[in-house]
Amino acid sequence: MDFTPSRLEEKTLSNASEAAPYLTDAEPSVSWVDVQGLGDAQILQDLKKVFGIHDLAMADVVNIPQRPKVEFYDRYLFIVTRMAYPLHDGTLHSEQVSLFLGKDFVLTFQETYGDCLDPVRERIRSGTGLLRKSGADYLAYAIIDAILDQYFPVIEILGEEIERLEDEVVSQPRPETMRKIYELKRAILEVRRAIWPQRDAVNVLLHDESGLIGKEAHFYLRDCYDHTVQIMEVIESLRELAAGLLDVYLSAIANRTNEVMKILTVVTTIFIPLTFIVGIYGMNFDTSQKWNMPELRAPYGYATLVGIMLLIGISLLVFFWRKGWLQSAAVLQERRRPRKKRSESKKREQLAGPSHLPSTTAARSGEQTSRPNRSAAASDEADATA
């Protein structure tokens, strides 16, 4: 794209030499060359010659990923940033964007085809705003701002995933849930590693003294800096929530294990006395002797023993149920809530009761003081009669 306030030329270049006339034309204009894909080494070498790019800067373009940074050269600024945006399937895509800012050109390199810079292109095509009226520094700001704005949808997706996992962890934790939690933590860590150094890079641009960034663009770059700080704060909050999810998952698994162990313990406790009885009457004694289990010859001994065992088992079940050991923690909490409310209302009544005493005492004292007044009035009447 080569544009002025009144003209726009947009074309696809077949080789790097076609970009040279736009850098040397007499009419002042802003040229934006966007390279998508780093697979053609010959095109990269030709662009390096046309734009006068240093070998070390071009090496950082090719050898990815690089940490977001800003480097100063004689004729241009070299800016490395990371672009992250969600794909249609909900996954997170992140790639490096290398940007060269000159006096009247902007050169960008992307790893793959497709990006989040279509809003910038549409603003250039429509001629709205300050893009067509400003220089290359404002175009570089618009590209950086568009890259940073795409982090907010990513943050929203991560937040929704945390909420969904919270419900899953509390309601039905599964081994697959732990895998999802670790994948979420890796995604948050990737975004954090991408956005953390970008704050420093934008801060370097704010203190630029090369003259390639004008005063007006500095004001807009402050907004980019605020966006990076805001994104970092939200990412740190999401990171803490994701770490808490793992603790909640482990607690939920431990609670489920405790519920299973409680049931097994209850079953074992019920069968302990039954096993004791069966063990006693399973001993092989000579029943012909007088004191060797004479009840074994009783006509209803088996039925009586089975009835006693059933009575013991039912009694233990009723005892455990009344103690609340057969119910889950959630049911117990629901049952205790009315009791807690009643106890709180009793406390409020006890606290509110003494507050009425001073008024009652005051009323009684008023009655007592009024009686002497009436007696005094009666004595006055008697004196007047006399």
Protein backbone atom coordinates (compact mmCIF):
# COMPACT_ATOMS: atom_id res chain seq x y z
CA MET A 1 0.00 0.00 0.00
CA ASP A 2 1.26 3.45 -0.99
CA PHE A 3 -0.98 6.33 0.05
CA THR A 4 -1.28 10.05 0.53
CA PRO A 5 -4.28 12.02 1.87
CA SER A 6 -5.74 12.10 -1.64
CA ARG A 7 -4.38 8.93 -3.28
CA LEU A 8 -4.15 5.21 -2.55
CA GLU A 9 -2.39 2.52 -4.55
CA GLU A 10 -2.68 -1.09 -3.44
CA LYS A 11 -1.07 -3.97 -5.28
CA THR A 12 0.56 -7.34 -4.81
CA LEU A 13 4.30 -7.34 -5.52
CA SER A 14 5.78 -10.25 -7.41
CA ASN A 15 9.38 -9.38 -6.40
CA ALA A 16 11.17 -7.00 -4.06
CA SER A 17 12.45 -4.70 -6.80
CA GLU A 18 8.91 -3.46 -7.47
CA ALA A 19 8.89 -1.78 -4.06
CA ALA A 20 11.95 0.40 -4.82
CA PRO A 21 10.12 3.09 -6.90
CA TYR A 22 7.73 3.80 -4.03
CA LEU A 23 10.66 4.64 -1.76
CA THR A 24 12.29 7.11 -4.16
CA ASP A 25 9.32 8.83 -5.85
CA ALA A 26 9.18 12.63 -5.73
CA GLU A 27 5.68 12.78 -4.25
CA PRO A 28 5.77 12.40 -0.43
CA SER A 29 3.81 9.32 0.50
CA VAL A 30 3.73 6.48 3.02
CA SER A 31 4.51 2.97 1.79
CA TRP A 32 3.49 -0.17 3.66
CA VAL A 33 4.93 -3.47 2.47
CA ASP A 34 3.48 -6.49 4.28
CA VAL A 35 5.28 -9.82 3.80
CA GLN A 36 3.22 -12.87 4.84
CA GLY A 37 5.30 -16.02 5.15
CA LEU A 38 9.04 -16.46 5.57
CA GLY A 39 9.59 -19.39 3.26
CA ASP A 40 11.19 -17.62 0.27
CA ALA A 41 14.78 -16.76 1.19
CA GLN A 42 15.45 -14.95 -2.10
CA ILE A 43 12.63 -12.45 -1.53
CA LEU A 44 13.92 -11.79 1.98
CA GLN A 45 17.41 -11.10 0.65
CA ASP A 46 16.08 -8.76 -2.03
CA LEU A 47 13.98 -6.85 0.50
CA LYS A 48 17.03 -6.51 2.71
CA LYS A 49 18.90 -4.83 -0.12
CA VAL A 50 16.03 -2.58 -1.20
CA PHE A 51 15.29 -1.27 2.30
CA GLY A 52 18.88 -1.37 3.57
CA ILE A 53 18.16 -3.74 6.43
CA HIS A 54 21.04 -4.85 8.63
CA ASP A 55 22.02 -8.53 8.61
CA LEU A 56 21.41 -8.92 12.36
CA ALA A 57 17.92 -7.45 12.06
CA MET A 58 17.05 -9.77 9.19
CA ALA A 59 18.41 -12.70 11.21
CA ASP A 60 15.97 -11.81 14.02
CA VAL A 61 13.15 -11.76 11.45
CA VAL A 62 13.94 -15.27 10.23
CA ASN A 63 15.01 -16.93 13.49
CA ILE A 64 11.75 -17.09 15.40
CA PRO A 65 10.53 -16.69 18.04
CA GLN A 66 12.26 -13.57 19.30
CA ARG A 67 11.49 -11.64 22.45
CA PRO A 68 9.48 -8.44 21.78
CA LYS A 69 11.96 -5.58 21.63
CA VAL A 70 12.93 -2.31 19.92
CA GLU A 71 16.30 -1.72 18.23
CA PHE A 72 17.57 1.56 16.77
CA TYR A 73 19.41 1.79 13.46
CA ASP A 74 20.51 4.77 11.39
CA ARG A 75 17.55 4.96 9.00
CA TYR A 76 14.87 2.95 10.73
CA LEU A 77 13.56 1.35 13.91
CA PHE A 78 13.31 -2.42 14.23
CA ILE A 79 10.32 -3.54 16.35
CA VAL A 80 9.54 -7.13 17.27
CA THR A 81 6.09 -7.91 18.64
CA ARG A 82 3.87 -10.95 19.04
CA MET A 83 0.40 -11.26 17.60
CA ALA A 84 -2.18 -13.52 19.26
CA TYR A 85 -5.74 -14.07 18.14
CA PRO A 86 -8.35 -16.85 18.45
CA LEU A 87 -9.05 -19.15 15.52
CA HIS A 88 -12.48 -20.36 14.39
CA ASP A 89 -12.16 -23.59 16.37
CA GLY A 90 -11.51 -21.64 19.59
CA THR A 91 -7.78 -22.38 19.79
CA LEU A 92 -5.16 -19.71 20.35
CA HIS A 93 -2.77 -18.74 17.57
CA SER A 94 0.38 -16.76 18.29
CA GLU A 95 3.09 -15.62 15.91
CA GLN A 96 5.88 -13.08 15.62
CA VAL A 97 5.46 -9.83 13.72
CA SER A 98 8.61 -7.93 12.75
CA LEU A 99 8.18 -4.26 11.89
CA PHE A 100 10.64 -1.82 10.33
CA LEU A 101 9.74 1.85 10.69
CA GLY A 102 11.45 4.35 8.40
CA LYS A 103 10.82 7.98 7.61
CA ASP A 104 8.24 7.23 4.92
CA PHE A 105 7.80 3.45 4.95
CA VAL A 106 6.69 0.57 7.14
CA LEU A 107 7.86 -2.96 6.39
CA THR A 108 6.23 -5.88 8.25
CA PHE A 109 7.06 -9.59 8.26
CA GLN A 110 4.62 -12.26 9.43
CA GLU A 111 5.18 -15.96 9.93
CA THR A 112 2.06 -17.19 8.14
CA TYR A 113 -0.83 -15.96 6.03
CA GLY A 114 -3.72 -14.31 7.80
CA ASP A 115 -3.56 -11.70 10.54
CA CYS A 116 -5.56 -9.24 12.62
CA LEU A 117 -4.56 -6.15 10.61
CA ASP A 118 -7.60 -6.01 8.32
CA PRO A 119 -9.13 -3.11 10.32
CA VAL A 120 -6.00 -1.06 9.60
CA ARG A 121 -6.21 -1.86 5.89
CA GLU A 122 -9.89 -0.93 5.81
CA ARG A 123 -9.17 2.42 7.46
CA ILE A 124 -6.55 3.13 4.82
CA ARG A 125 -8.90 2.16 2.00
CA SER A 126 -11.80 4.22 3.34
CA GLY A 127 -9.66 7.25 4.12
CA THR A 128 -11.35 7.79 7.49
CA GLY A 129 -9.45 8.87 10.55
CA LEU A 130 -5.85 10.05 10.66
CA LEU A 131 -4.12 7.17 8.87
CA ARG A 132 -4.13 8.69 5.40
CA LYS A 133 -3.33 12.15 6.79
CA SER A 134 -0.45 11.11 9.03
CA GLY A 135 3.01 9.69 8.47
CA ALA A 136 4.62 6.30 8.80
CA ASP A 137 4.94 6.65 12.59
CA TYR A 138 1.15 6.78 12.96
CA LEU A 139 0.81 3.74 10.69
CA ALA A 140 3.27 1.85 12.93
CA TYR A 141 1.21 2.88 15.96
CA ALA A 142 -2.00 1.66 14.27
CA ILE A 143 -0.43 -1.73 13.55
CA ILE A 144 0.84 -2.13 17.13
CA ASP A 145 -2.51 -1.01 18.52
CA ALA A 146 -4.40 -3.52 16.34
CA ILE A 147 -2.09 -6.30 17.55
CA LEU A 148 -2.63 -5.37 21.19
CA ASP A 149 -6.40 -5.08 20.77
CA GLN A 150 -6.57 -8.71 19.67
CA TYR A 151 -5.39 -9.79 23.12
CA PHE A 152 -8.71 -8.75 24.64
CA PRO A 153 -10.78 -11.41 22.77
CA VAL A 154 -8.12 -13.93 23.77
CA ILE A 155 -8.46 -12.88 27.41
CA GLU A 156 -12.24 -13.18 27.16
CA ILE A 157 -11.97 -16.73 25.79
CA LEU A 158 -9.58 -17.69 28.59
CA GLY A 159 -11.94 -16.21 31.17
CA GLU A 160 -14.91 -18.16 29.77
CA GLU A 161 -12.84 -21.35 29.82
CA ILE A 162 -11.97 -20.75 33.48
CA GLU A 163 -15.66 -20.30 34.34
CA ARG A 164 -16.58 -23.49 32.49
CA LEU A 165 -13.84 -25.47 34.23
CA GLU A 166 -14.93 -24.09 37.60
CA ASP A 167 -18.41 -25.54 37.07
CA GLU A 168 -16.96 -28.83 35.88
CA VAL A 169 -14.55 -29.08 38.81
CA VAL A 170 -17.29 -28.47 41.37
CA SER A 171 -20.03 -30.58 39.77
CA GLN A 172 -18.24 -33.50 38.11
CA PRO A 173 -14.42 -33.59 38.33
CA ARG A 174 -12.79 -36.14 36.04
CA PRO A 175 -9.19 -37.03 35.12
CA GLU A 176 -9.72 -35.20 31.84
CA THR A 177 -10.44 -32.03 33.83
CA MET A 178 -6.86 -31.91 35.09
CA ARG A 179 -5.57 -32.08 31.51
CA LYS A 180 -7.82 -29.16 30.55
CA ILE A 181 -6.56 -27.16 33.52
CA TYR A 182 -2.93 -27.70 32.50
CA GLU A 183 -3.71 -26.72 28.90
CA LEU A 184 -5.39 -23.56 30.17
CA LYS A 185 -2.39 -22.73 32.33
CA ARG A 186 -0.06 -23.18 29.35
CA ALA A 187 -2.22 -20.87 27.22
CA ILE A 188 -2.22 -18.20 29.94
CA LEU A 189 1.54 -18.56 30.34
CA GLU A 190 2.02 -18.16 26.58
CA VAL A 191 0.00 -14.95 26.55
CA ARG A 192 1.87 -13.70 29.60
CA ARG A 193 5.25 -14.33 27.98
CA ALA A 194 4.09 -12.52 24.86
CA ILE A 195 2.61 -9.42 26.52
CA TRP A 196 5.12 -8.89 29.34
CA PRO A 197 8.09 -7.74 27.20
CA GLN A 198 5.79 -5.77 24.89
CA ARG A 199 5.19 -3.32 27.70
CA ASP A 200 8.92 -2.61 27.82
CA ALA A 201 9.06 -2.30 24.03
CA VAL A 202 6.24 0.26 23.96
CA ASN A 203 7.92 2.11 26.81
CA VAL A 204 11.11 2.32 24.72
CA LEU A 205 9.11 3.80 21.84
CA LEU A 206 7.69 6.43 24.20
CA HIS A 207 11.23 7.58 25.00
CA ASP A 208 12.41 7.48 21.39
CA GLU A 209 14.87 10.21 20.41
CA SER A 210 15.60 9.13 16.85
CA GLY A 211 13.09 11.57 15.38
CA LEU A 212 11.21 8.85 13.47
CA ILE A 213 8.25 9.04 15.87
CA GLY A 214 6.53 12.40 15.96
CA LYS A 215 5.02 14.16 18.93
CA GLU A 216 1.46 13.28 17.94
CA ALA A 217 2.28 9.59 17.61
CA HIS A 218 3.82 9.68 21.09
CA PHE A 219 0.44 10.59 22.56
CA TYR A 220 -1.20 7.62 20.88
CA LEU A 221 1.58 5.28 21.98
CA ARG A 222 0.68 6.11 25.56
CA ASP A 223 -2.67 4.46 24.92
CA CYS A 224 -0.83 1.34 23.73
CA TYR A 225 1.19 1.35 26.92
CA ASP A 226 -2.01 1.55 28.99
CA HIS A 227 -3.41 -1.41 27.04
CA THR A 228 -0.34 -3.52 27.79
CA VAL A 229 -0.59 -2.73 31.51
CA GLN A 230 -4.29 -3.57 31.51
CA ILE A 231 -3.73 -6.85 29.69
CA MET A 232 -0.95 -7.79 32.10
CA GLU A 233 -3.18 -7.17 35.12
CA VAL A 234 -5.98 -9.32 33.70
CA ILE A 235 -3.55 -12.08 32.75
CA GLU A 236 -2.13 -12.14 36.27
CA SER A 237 -5.66 -12.47 37.66
CA LEU A 238 -6.45 -15.31 35.25
CA ARG A 239 -3.19 -16.99 36.19
CA GLU A 240 -4.14 -16.95 39.87
CA LEU A 241 -7.60 -18.29 39.07
CA ALA A 242 -6.12 -21.12 37.01
CA ALA A 243 -3.77 -22.01 39.87
CA GLY A 244 -6.75 -22.03 42.22
CA LEU A 245 -8.63 -24.35 39.85
CA LEU A 246 -6.05 -27.06 40.40
CA ASP A 247 -6.44 -26.74 44.17
CA VAL A 248 -10.22 -26.92 43.85
CA TYR A 249 -9.91 -30.00 41.64
CA LEU A 250 -7.68 -31.79 44.14
CA SER A 251 -10.05 -30.84 46.97
CA ALA A 252 -13.05 -32.16 45.00
CA ILE A 253 -11.27 -35.44 44.30
CA ALA A 254 -10.33 -35.72 47.98
CA ASN A 255 -13.96 -35.07 49.00
CA ARG A 256 -15.22 -37.74 46.63
CA THR A 257 -12.66 -40.17 48.03
CA ASN A 258 -13.81 -39.32 51.54
CA GLU A 259 -17.43 -39.96 50.55
CA VAL A 260 -16.49 -43.39 49.18
CA MET A 261 -14.43 -44.22 52.26
CA LYS A 262 -17.30 -43.11 54.50
CA ILE A 263 -19.71 -45.48 52.77
CA LEU A 264 -17.23 -48.34 52.96
CA THR A 265 -16.61 -47.60 56.62
CA VAL A 266 -20.35 -47.64 57.36
CA VAL A 267 -20.75 -50.99 55.57
CA THR A 268 -17.76 -52.40 57.41
CA THR A 269 -19.06 -51.15 60.76
CA ILE A 270 -22.42 -52.79 60.15
CA PHE A 271 -20.84 -56.13 59.34
CA ILE A 272 -18.44 -56.13 62.30
CA PRO A 273 -21.04 -57.26 64.90
CA LEU A 274 -22.61 -59.61 62.38
CA THR A 275 -19.25 -61.19 61.69
CA PHE A 276 -18.66 -61.46 65.42
CA ILE A 277 -21.92 -63.34 65.89
CA VAL A 278 -21.27 -65.61 62.94
CA GLY A 279 -17.77 -66.29 64.23
CA ILE A 280 -19.03 -67.30 67.64
CA TYR A 281 -21.64 -69.70 66.31
CA GLY A 282 -19.26 -71.03 63.70
CA MET A 283 -17.08 -72.69 66.32
CA ASN A 284 -17.16 -76.48 66.30
CA PHE A 285 -18.07 -77.54 69.86
CA ASP A 286 -19.69 -80.74 70.97
CA THR A 287 -23.28 -79.67 71.41
CA SER A 288 -24.12 -82.84 73.37
CA GLN A 289 -22.47 -81.31 76.40
CA LYS A 290 -24.60 -79.10 78.61
CA TRP A 291 -22.70 -75.79 78.28
CA ASN A 292 -21.53 -76.13 74.69
CA MET A 293 -23.97 -73.81 72.85
CA PRO A 294 -27.23 -75.47 73.78
CA GLU A 295 -29.14 -72.83 71.74
CA LEU A 296 -27.95 -74.51 68.57
CA ARG A 297 -30.53 -77.23 69.23
CA ALA A 298 -33.36 -74.72 69.67
CA PRO A 299 -36.19 -75.26 67.15
CA TYR A 300 -36.16 -71.59 66.05
CA GLY A 301 -32.51 -70.84 66.69
CA TYR A 302 -31.61 -70.01 63.08
CA ALA A 303 -34.58 -67.69 62.57
CA THR A 304 -33.95 -65.99 65.90
CA LEU A 305 -30.29 -65.42 65.09
CA VAL A 306 -31.08 -64.04 61.64
CA GLY A 307 -33.67 -61.72 63.17
CA ILE A 308 -31.15 -60.47 65.75
CA MET A 309 -28.62 -59.83 63.00
CA LEU A 310 -31.19 -57.92 60.94
CA LEU A 311 -32.18 -55.91 64.00
CA ILE A 312 -28.56 -55.01 64.68
CA GLY A 313 -27.98 -53.97 61.06
CA ILE A 314 -31.15 -51.84 60.90
CA SER A 315 -30.37 -50.27 64.26
CA LEU A 316 -26.90 -49.28 63.10
CA LEU A 317 -28.31 -47.83 59.86
CA VAL A 318 -30.84 -45.75 61.81
CA PHE A 319 -28.11 -44.59 64.19
CA PHE A 320 -25.81 -43.58 61.32
CA TRP A 321 -28.66 -41.81 59.54
CA ARG A 322 -29.58 -39.80 62.63
CA LYS A 323 -25.96 -38.84 63.05
CA GLY A 324 -25.88 -37.67 59.42
CA TRP A 325 -23.11 -40.03 58.39
CA LEU A 326 -25.12 -41.42 55.46
CA GLN A 327 -25.64 -38.02 53.85
CA SER A 328 -23.33 -35.90 51.77
CA ALA A 329 -21.80 -32.67 53.01
CA ALA A 330 -24.04 -30.57 50.75
CA VAL A 331 -27.24 -32.13 52.17
CA LEU A 332 -26.01 -31.60 55.71
CA GLN A 333 -25.27 -28.00 54.98
CA GLU A 334 -28.77 -27.47 53.61
CA ARG A 335 -30.30 -29.09 56.70
CA ARG A 336 -28.26 -26.95 59.06
CA ARG A 337 -29.19 -23.66 57.42
CA PRO A 338 -32.68 -23.35 59.04
CA ARG A 339 -31.19 -24.12 62.45
CA LYS A 340 -28.58 -21.47 61.90
CA LYS A 341 -31.23 -18.95 60.88
CA ARG A 342 -33.34 -19.75 63.97
CA SER A 343 -30.33 -19.39 66.25
CA GLU A 344 -29.47 -16.08 64.65
CA SER A 345 -33.05 -14.81 65.10
CA LYS A 346 -32.96 -15.83 68.78
CA LYS A 347 -29.73 -13.94 69.23
CA ARG A 348 -31.24 -10.87 67.61
CA GLU A 349 -34.27 -11.10 69.94
CA GLN A 350 -32.01 -11.43 72.96
CA LEU A 351 -30.01 -8.44 71.84
CA ALA A 352 -33.15 -6.44 71.05
CA GLY A 353 -34.91 -7.31 74.33
CA PRO A 354 -32.83 -5.18 76.74
CA SER A 355 -33.09 -2.20 74.39
CA HIS A 356 -36.77 -1.78 75.41
CA LEU A 357 -35.98 -1.76 79.13
CA PRO A 358 -34.74 1.84 79.38
CA SER A 359 -37.95 3.16 77.75
CA THR A 360 -40.12 1.09 80.12
CA THR A 361 -38.13 2.24 83.10
CA ALA A 362 -38.40 5.77 81.90
CA ALA A 363 -42.18 5.43 81.57
CA ARG A 364 -42.48 4.06 85.06
CA SER A 365 -40.27 6.78 86.48
CA GLY A 366 -42.48 9.28 84.64
CA GLU A 367 -45.53 7.82 86.34
CA GLN A 368 -43.86 8.03 89.72
CA THR A 369 -42.86 11.63 89.15
CA SER A 370 -46.35 12.48 87.95
CA ARG A 371 -47.94 11.12 91.15
CA PRO A 372 -46.09 13.57 93.46
CA ASN A 373 -47.12 16.33 91.10
CA ARG A 374 -50.80 15.31 91.49
CA SER A 375 -50.46 15.20 95.29
CA ALA A 376 -48.86 18.62 95.25
CA ALA A 377 -51.75 19.93 93.17
CA ALA A 378 -54.26 18.43 95.65
CA SER A 379 -52.51 20.14 98.57
CA ASP A 380 -52.64 23.44 96.72
CA GLU A 381 -56.39 23.02 96.27
CA ALA A 382 -56.83 22.27 99.96
CA ASP A 383 -54.93 25.47 100.90
CA ALA A 384 -57.09 27.47 98.54
CA THR A 385 -60.27 26.03 100.11
CA ALA A 386 -59.04 26.86 103.55
